[in-house]
Protein backbone atom coordinates (compact mmCIF):
# COMPACT_ATOMS: atom_id res chain seq x y z
CA UNK A 1 103.12 101.74 143.15
CA UNK A 2 102.41 100.05 139.83
CA UNK A 3 102.71 101.79 136.49
CA UNK A 4 101.16 100.71 133.23
CA UNK A 5 103.01 101.32 130.01
CA UNK A 6 101.43 100.88 126.60
CA UNK A 7 102.73 101.31 123.10
CA UNK A 8 99.45 102.79 121.86
CA UNK A 9 99.38 106.37 120.63
CA UNK A 10 97.32 108.90 122.55
CA UNK A 11 94.60 108.86 119.87
CA UNK A 12 94.53 105.06 119.64
CA UNK A 13 90.72 105.03 119.46
CA UNK A 14 90.81 106.81 116.12
CA UNK A 15 93.70 104.64 115.03
CA UNK A 16 91.72 101.50 115.74
CA UNK A 17 88.84 102.70 113.57
CA UNK A 18 91.26 103.57 110.77
CA UNK A 19 92.85 100.13 111.05
CA UNK A 20 89.45 98.45 110.96
CA UNK A 21 88.40 100.50 107.94
CA UNK A 22 91.64 99.59 106.14
CA UNK A 23 91.23 95.91 106.98
CA UNK A 24 87.64 95.91 105.68
CA UNK A 25 88.76 97.67 102.50
CA UNK A 26 91.53 95.09 101.94
CA UNK A 27 89.08 92.26 102.53
CA UNK A 28 86.63 93.76 100.04
CA UNK A 29 89.41 93.97 97.43
CA UNK A 30 90.38 90.35 98.12
CA UNK A 31 86.78 89.13 97.69
CA UNK A 32 86.21 91.18 94.53
CA UNK A 33 89.44 90.03 92.85
CA UNK A 34 88.92 86.40 93.86
CA UNK A 35 85.32 86.38 92.62
CA UNK A 36 86.16 88.06 89.33
CA UNK A 37 89.01 85.64 88.62
CA UNK A 38 86.92 82.65 89.71
CA UNK A 39 84.30 83.59 87.12
CA UNK A 40 86.84 83.17 84.31
CA UNK A 41 87.18 79.88 82.47
CA UNK A 42 90.39 77.85 82.71
CA UNK A 43 91.21 78.97 79.16
CA UNK A 44 90.77 82.64 80.04
CA UNK A 45 92.94 82.22 83.14
CA UNK A 46 95.60 80.53 81.02
CA UNK A 47 95.50 83.46 78.59
CA UNK A 48 96.50 85.83 81.39
CA UNK A 49 99.13 83.47 82.77
CA UNK A 50 97.22 82.05 85.72
CA UNK A 51 95.91 78.69 86.84
CA UNK A 52 93.00 78.23 89.21
CA UNK A 53 95.31 77.26 92.08
CA UNK A 54 96.91 80.72 92.01
CA UNK A 55 93.72 82.71 92.61
CA UNK A 56 94.05 83.01 96.39
CA UNK A 57 97.64 84.21 96.11
CA UNK A 58 96.78 86.74 93.41
CA UNK A 59 93.81 88.04 95.42
CA UNK A 60 95.99 88.29 98.54
CA UNK A 61 98.63 90.27 96.68
CA UNK A 62 95.99 92.60 95.25
CA UNK A 63 94.46 93.21 98.67
CA UNK A 64 97.87 93.90 100.22
CA UNK A 65 98.43 96.65 97.67
CA UNK A 66 95.04 98.27 98.34
């Protein structure tokens, strides 16, 4: 006889929807932060201690905290 073992909780269906919702929320935060920072001029970015090459990292950090 073969047995199947999974590491999923009994209510994994609900957990999957919660994970998807959280991932979509994090992605929305990433896009919003990236777009808002991208709209700033180089001078404005410099005033807040950023350079254009840092925008992806900053947006990623913001989305991870959401």
